[in-house]
Each structure stands twice: as C-alpha cells, then as structure tokens.
Amino acid sequence: MEIEVQGVKVPALGFGTWELSGAEAQEATRHALEIGYRQIDTAQAYRNESEVGAAIEQSGVAREDIFLTTKIVRDSLARDKVGPAVDDSLRRLRTDYVDLLLIHWPSEDIPLAETLDAMAGVQQTGKVRHLGVSNFRAPLLLEAMERVRLLADQVPYQPGRTQNTLLDIGRTSDVMITAYSPLRGEGMKSPVLADIAGSHAKTPQQVALRWLLQQDKVSPIPRSSNPVHREQNFDVFDFELSAEEMASIDAIRVPARS
C-alpha cells in the first residue's frame, strides 16, 4: 500500500526508530525490513543513524526500494550547518541520499527562511530528494510552504488526539501528514477500539493503524522494540474499517491535560 503525494509514491506504513539504540535499533530495523516495511524513519537526535544504516545495508533490500527519512537537530539549523549535518547523516546511514529530510523541531533562534533555503540548496545537490518539517503547527507549516515545496509534516497523531487543521492542509495542498506515536495516548484505551477490534479479529493497535491508513495523505510510523508487535503492526492490510467505524474512532476524546 502506497500514498501518492506530489507524484511521489511513499510506502503508506513506516517503521519509526525513536527510543531505539545500539544493537536493538539495528536488529529492529533489519527485522522491520524483513517483514516488509519499506519506509524507515530516523533522526540525528535519536543517535541511531549508524545502526539504521547498517541494518539497511545488511537487509538485502535495494536502497531504491526504501523510503528513508531523517531529521536535522536544532543545533544544526543555521545556514552554514545544514549541509555538513546532512553529510554527517549520510555517512552514518551509509547512503548517498535520503528520501526525506525534515526540520525536527522549529527554532526560535534561527530564522525559518534561513534553514529552508539551506535545505533547498542541499536538495539541489541530490543528497536529499524531498523536504519536510516535523512538529510544525498549521501557521508555521503554511509559512514554510510559502518558501519551499514541502512533502510532509510529521506530528503526533493517534485516536483521541485530533490534527484536523493539519489534515485539511495536507489534503488541499498535497502534503503528507506523518503520524508519529500513533499507538500512544489515553485514546488507545477507548472501548471503541476494543469493540471494533473484536469484530475484525484484530488488536486495538491494528485498528488504530488501519484508521490512520484509511485517511487521505496520512502515514503512520509505529515504533516497537518487540518483534511480535512489529509483525502485528504490519498485519493491517487484510481488513478495512467501515465509514461508521472510522467515524466512531474519529469521535474518541480524552480529557485535556491539566
């Protein structure tokens, strides 16, 4: 299953590597590729690019069949630091390009335009195929989109946590919303998910991922250190949620944090 964004085909379900490190990160990424994941997400801040790169190299999967994302840390968003930071990531990832390069978090100290211009310059060299952002709310996303063509905004999105404004931007502007931490949060405890899971002989986690996958321009990237869970998370392409089931999950609400 793929998402088409701006004419680019992206594997709809990705594998996230946040909080995975060392040998665990390498084995988890290798296993994910073995299962069938073809979108892999990492970041400079995760300190696991070397392990992710080793896993990709050892997997036997052709590099061109993998959609690889990494993210620039705040300390490297200045104009003269973006290029060297990308080179460092490529070295650690053992590749000559990444498919998607994101600003990991917006900076209050470095002008957004400066960073985006530097990223666009790196894109022109072929070291980066596409540009995007992460943790950008709607106003900042729209500001960034005025400067460069963005493929994605990566944000936390799971049952009980709405991202309606970003979803609308994604649909109208052909931008992918990458859902990180898709299986976290109080919404996952909702009996709605349990009931729907029972009717499909699936887990609540599989139902939540299916709910995300059936939304236009949305790509979930679950992370798991458990090999059984990695396999379960990928086993979501043999069933479909009805419109009523989708609406029921849309309606899940959790108490606001005090």
Protein backbone atom coordinates (compact mmCIF):
# COMPACT_ATOMS: atom_id res chain seq x y z
CA MET A 1 0.00 0.00 0.00
CA GLU A 2 1.37 3.38 -1.01
CA ILE A 3 0.46 7.03 -0.63
CA GLU A 4 0.92 9.30 -3.61
CA VAL A 5 1.98 12.81 -2.67
CA GLN A 6 3.04 15.34 -5.31
CA GLY A 7 3.53 12.44 -7.71
CA VAL A 8 5.83 10.66 -5.24
CA LYS A 9 4.87 7.17 -4.10
CA VAL A 10 5.57 6.63 -0.40
CA PRO A 11 5.05 3.33 1.44
CA ALA A 12 1.94 4.02 3.50
CA LEU A 13 3.11 2.35 6.70
CA GLY A 14 6.51 3.23 8.10
CA PHE A 15 8.75 1.99 10.87
CA GLY A 16 9.82 4.51 13.48
CA THR A 17 13.08 4.17 15.42
CA TRP A 18 12.66 6.71 18.20
CA GLU A 19 13.96 5.41 21.54
CA LEU A 20 15.76 2.51 19.84
CA SER A 21 19.52 2.46 20.20
CA GLY A 22 22.57 0.30 19.65
CA ALA A 23 22.14 -3.32 18.68
CA GLU A 24 18.42 -3.13 19.41
CA ALA A 25 17.94 -0.37 16.82
CA GLN A 26 19.90 -2.30 14.22
CA GLU A 27 18.05 -5.56 14.79
CA ALA A 28 14.64 -3.87 14.92
CA THR A 29 15.28 -2.07 11.63
CA ARG A 30 16.62 -5.20 9.97
CA HIS A 31 13.61 -7.19 11.15
CA ALA A 32 11.20 -4.47 10.02
CA LEU A 33 12.65 -4.62 6.52
CA GLU A 34 12.43 -8.40 6.58
CA ILE A 35 8.73 -8.20 7.48
CA GLY A 36 8.05 -5.83 4.61
CA TYR A 37 8.33 -2.27 5.92
CA ARG A 38 9.78 -0.03 3.24
CA GLN A 39 9.54 3.36 4.93
CA ILE A 40 12.14 3.87 7.68
CA ASP A 41 12.23 6.92 9.93
CA THR A 42 15.20 8.08 11.99
CA ALA A 43 16.74 11.34 13.19
CA GLN A 44 20.05 12.81 14.20
CA ALA A 45 18.66 13.28 17.70
CA TYR A 46 17.87 9.57 18.01
CA ARG A 47 21.60 8.76 17.81
CA ASN A 48 20.86 5.58 15.89
CA GLU A 49 21.52 6.56 12.27
CA SER A 50 24.61 4.35 12.17
CA GLU A 51 22.63 1.33 13.32
CA VAL A 52 19.78 2.09 10.91
CA GLY A 53 22.26 2.44 8.07
CA ALA A 54 23.95 -0.86 8.95
CA ALA A 55 20.57 -2.61 9.05
CA ILE A 56 19.60 -1.29 5.64
CA GLU A 57 22.95 -2.33 4.20
CA GLN A 58 22.64 -5.84 5.67
CA SER A 59 18.97 -6.32 4.81
CA GLY A 60 19.44 -7.20 1.17
CA VAL A 61 16.66 -4.77 0.25
CA ALA A 62 17.64 -2.47 -2.59
CA ARG A 63 18.23 1.09 -1.40
CA GLU A 64 15.89 2.46 -4.07
CA ASP A 65 13.06 0.36 -2.63
CA ILE A 66 13.35 2.06 0.78
CA PHE A 67 11.91 5.48 1.61
CA LEU A 68 14.37 6.79 4.21
CA THR A 69 13.71 9.84 6.40
CA THR A 70 16.00 11.65 8.81
CA LYS A 71 15.72 14.93 10.70
CA ILE A 72 18.06 17.81 11.48
CA VAL A 73 18.58 18.76 15.12
CA ARG A 74 18.01 22.34 16.28
CA ASP A 75 21.76 22.91 16.74
CA SER A 76 22.31 22.37 13.01
CA LEU A 77 19.61 24.61 11.54
CA ALA A 78 21.88 27.59 10.78
CA ARG A 79 22.67 28.18 7.13
CA ASP A 80 26.30 27.04 7.37
CA LYS A 81 25.48 23.95 9.43
CA VAL A 82 22.73 22.31 7.39
CA GLY A 83 24.98 20.96 4.64
CA PRO A 84 27.61 19.45 6.98
CA ALA A 85 24.85 17.96 9.15
CA VAL A 86 23.34 16.24 6.13
CA ASP A 87 26.75 14.92 5.11
CA ASP A 88 27.22 13.51 8.61
CA SER A 89 23.84 11.78 8.44
CA LEU A 90 24.59 10.30 5.03
CA ARG A 91 27.89 8.94 6.30
CA ARG A 92 26.22 7.33 9.29
CA LEU A 93 23.35 5.99 7.19
CA ARG A 94 25.78 4.55 4.60
CA THR A 95 23.89 6.10 1.72
CA ASP A 96 24.42 8.93 -0.74
CA TYR A 97 20.91 10.36 -0.35
CA VAL A 98 17.89 10.43 1.92
CA ASP A 99 14.39 10.45 0.51
CA LEU A 100 13.06 12.96 3.02
CA LEU A 101 14.88 15.50 5.20
CA LEU A 102 12.92 17.17 8.00
CA ILE A 103 13.46 20.03 10.40
CA HIS A 104 12.98 18.06 13.62
CA TRP A 105 11.71 20.95 15.74
CA PRO A 106 11.21 24.60 14.83
CA SER A 107 13.76 27.01 16.25
CA GLU A 108 13.06 30.32 17.97
CA ASP A 109 16.65 31.47 17.40
CA ILE A 110 17.29 30.73 13.72
CA PRO A 111 15.03 32.22 11.03
CA LEU A 112 12.94 29.54 9.34
CA ALA A 113 13.69 31.00 5.91
CA GLU A 114 17.43 30.62 6.51
CA THR A 115 17.10 26.93 7.29
CA LEU A 116 14.72 26.21 4.45
CA ASP A 117 16.95 27.97 1.92
CA ALA A 118 19.92 25.92 3.09
CA MET A 119 17.90 22.70 2.87
CA ALA A 120 16.77 23.61 -0.65
CA GLY A 121 20.42 24.10 -1.58
CA VAL A 122 21.27 20.62 -0.34
CA GLN A 123 18.28 19.24 -2.23
CA GLN A 124 19.71 20.64 -5.46
CA THR A 125 22.85 18.55 -4.96
CA GLY A 126 20.80 15.31 -4.99
CA LYS A 127 21.71 14.38 -1.43
CA VAL A 128 18.10 14.96 -0.41
CA ARG A 129 15.14 14.02 -2.57
CA HIS A 130 12.36 15.81 -0.67
CA LEU A 131 12.00 18.33 2.15
CA GLY A 132 9.65 18.45 5.10
CA VAL A 133 9.15 19.53 8.67
CA SER A 134 8.24 17.94 11.98
CA ASN A 135 6.28 19.28 14.95
CA PHE A 136 5.08 22.28 12.93
CA ARG A 137 1.63 23.62 13.75
CA ALA A 138 -0.55 24.98 10.97
CA PRO A 139 0.60 28.63 10.90
CA LEU A 140 4.27 27.69 10.79
CA LEU A 141 3.65 24.95 8.25
CA LEU A 142 1.89 27.43 5.96
CA GLU A 143 4.77 29.88 6.39
CA ALA A 144 7.27 27.18 5.45
CA MET A 145 5.21 26.14 2.45
CA GLU A 146 5.43 29.67 1.07
CA ARG A 147 9.21 29.31 0.99
CA VAL A 148 9.81 25.80 -0.38
CA ARG A 149 7.87 22.78 -1.60
CA LEU A 150 7.32 20.50 1.39
CA LEU A 151 6.37 16.85 1.10
CA ALA A 152 5.44 16.16 4.74
CA ASP A 153 4.80 17.39 8.26
CA GLN A 154 5.48 14.77 10.94
CA VAL A 155 3.37 15.22 14.06
CA PRO A 156 1.92 13.16 16.93
CA TYR A 157 -1.42 11.75 15.81
CA GLN A 158 -3.41 8.95 17.40
CA PRO A 159 -7.01 8.17 18.46
CA GLY A 160 -8.19 10.88 20.82
CA ARG A 161 -5.72 13.47 19.53
CA THR A 162 -7.05 15.46 16.60
CA GLN A 163 -4.98 17.10 13.87
CA ASN A 164 -7.88 18.39 11.80
CA THR A 165 -6.29 21.66 10.69
CA LEU A 166 -3.11 19.93 9.50
CA LEU A 167 -5.16 17.22 7.81
CA ASP A 168 -7.07 19.88 5.88
CA ILE A 169 -3.81 21.50 4.77
CA GLY A 170 -2.46 18.12 3.72
CA ARG A 171 -5.49 17.34 1.59
CA THR A 172 -5.75 20.74 -0.06
CA SER A 173 -2.01 21.28 -0.59
CA ASP A 174 -0.96 17.67 -1.32
CA VAL A 175 1.23 17.34 1.78
CA MET A 176 1.64 14.08 3.72
CA ILE A 177 0.89 14.06 7.44
CA THR A 178 3.22 11.52 9.03
CA ALA A 179 1.71 10.26 12.29
CA TYR A 180 4.31 9.53 14.93
CA SER A 181 3.48 7.86 18.26
CA PRO A 182 0.30 6.52 16.60
CA LEU A 183 -0.27 3.90 19.30
CA ARG A 184 0.29 6.05 22.36
CA GLY A 185 -2.06 8.11 24.44
CA GLU A 186 -5.18 7.64 26.51
CA GLY A 187 -7.32 7.22 23.41
CA MET A 188 -5.84 3.78 22.86
CA LYS A 189 -7.71 2.63 26.00
CA SER A 190 -11.09 3.50 24.50
CA PRO A 191 -13.63 0.65 24.43
CA VAL A 192 -14.50 1.82 20.92
CA LEU A 193 -11.20 0.44 19.64
CA ALA A 194 -11.63 -2.78 21.60
CA ASP A 195 -15.13 -3.33 20.21
CA ILE A 196 -14.08 -2.70 16.62
CA ALA A 197 -11.01 -4.91 17.08
CA GLY A 198 -13.19 -7.77 18.29
CA SER A 199 -15.41 -7.59 15.23
CA HIS A 200 -12.40 -7.87 12.91
CA ALA A 201 -10.36 -10.35 14.99
CA LYS A 202 -7.64 -7.74 15.29
CA THR A 203 -5.98 -5.86 18.13
CA PRO A 204 -6.87 -2.28 19.11
CA GLN A 205 -3.41 -1.27 17.88
CA GLN A 206 -4.08 -2.77 14.45
CA VAL A 207 -7.42 -0.98 14.30
CA ALA A 208 -5.78 2.35 15.19
CA LEU A 209 -3.19 1.91 12.44
CA ARG A 210 -5.88 0.95 9.94
CA TRP A 211 -7.86 4.06 10.91
CA LEU A 212 -4.83 6.21 10.12
CA LEU A 213 -4.04 4.40 6.89
CA GLN A 214 -7.56 4.93 5.58
CA GLN A 215 -7.22 8.70 5.92
CA ASP A 216 -6.10 10.64 2.88
CA LYS A 217 -2.41 11.69 2.94
CA VAL A 218 -1.75 10.12 6.36
CA SER A 219 1.18 7.77 7.01
CA PRO A 220 1.62 6.21 10.47
CA ILE A 221 5.11 5.22 11.62
CA PRO A 222 4.73 2.94 14.67
CA ARG A 223 7.83 2.06 16.66
CA SER A 224 8.27 -1.17 18.59
CA SER A 225 11.17 -2.95 20.23
CA ASN A 226 9.05 -6.12 20.36
CA PRO A 227 9.33 -8.31 17.24
CA VAL A 228 5.82 -9.71 17.71
CA HIS A 229 4.39 -6.21 17.84
CA ARG A 230 6.36 -5.21 14.75
CA GLU A 231 4.75 -8.08 12.87
CA GLN A 232 1.29 -7.29 14.22
CA ASN A 233 1.66 -3.63 13.27
CA PHE A 234 2.40 -4.62 9.69
CA ASP A 235 -0.53 -7.05 9.56
CA VAL A 236 -3.11 -4.36 8.78
CA PHE A 237 -3.70 -4.73 5.07
CA ASP A 238 -6.19 -7.61 5.10
CA PHE A 239 -9.18 -5.75 6.54
CA GLU A 240 -10.98 -2.45 6.13
CA LEU A 241 -12.92 -0.23 8.51
CA SER A 242 -16.42 0.89 7.57
CA ALA A 243 -17.38 4.55 7.40
CA GLU A 244 -19.26 4.10 10.68
CA GLU A 245 -16.22 2.56 12.36
CA MET A 246 -13.99 5.36 11.09
CA ALA A 247 -16.42 7.95 12.46
CA SER A 248 -16.56 6.19 15.83
CA ILE A 249 -12.79 6.37 16.16
CA ASP A 250 -12.79 9.99 14.97
CA ALA A 251 -15.14 10.76 17.84
CA ILE A 252 -12.88 9.37 20.59
CA ARG A 253 -11.99 12.11 23.04
CA VAL A 254 -9.71 12.07 26.05
CA PRO A 255 -9.67 14.50 28.98
CA ALA A 256 -7.46 17.51 28.45
CA ARG A 257 -4.25 17.54 30.47
CA SER A 258 -4.46 19.79 33.49
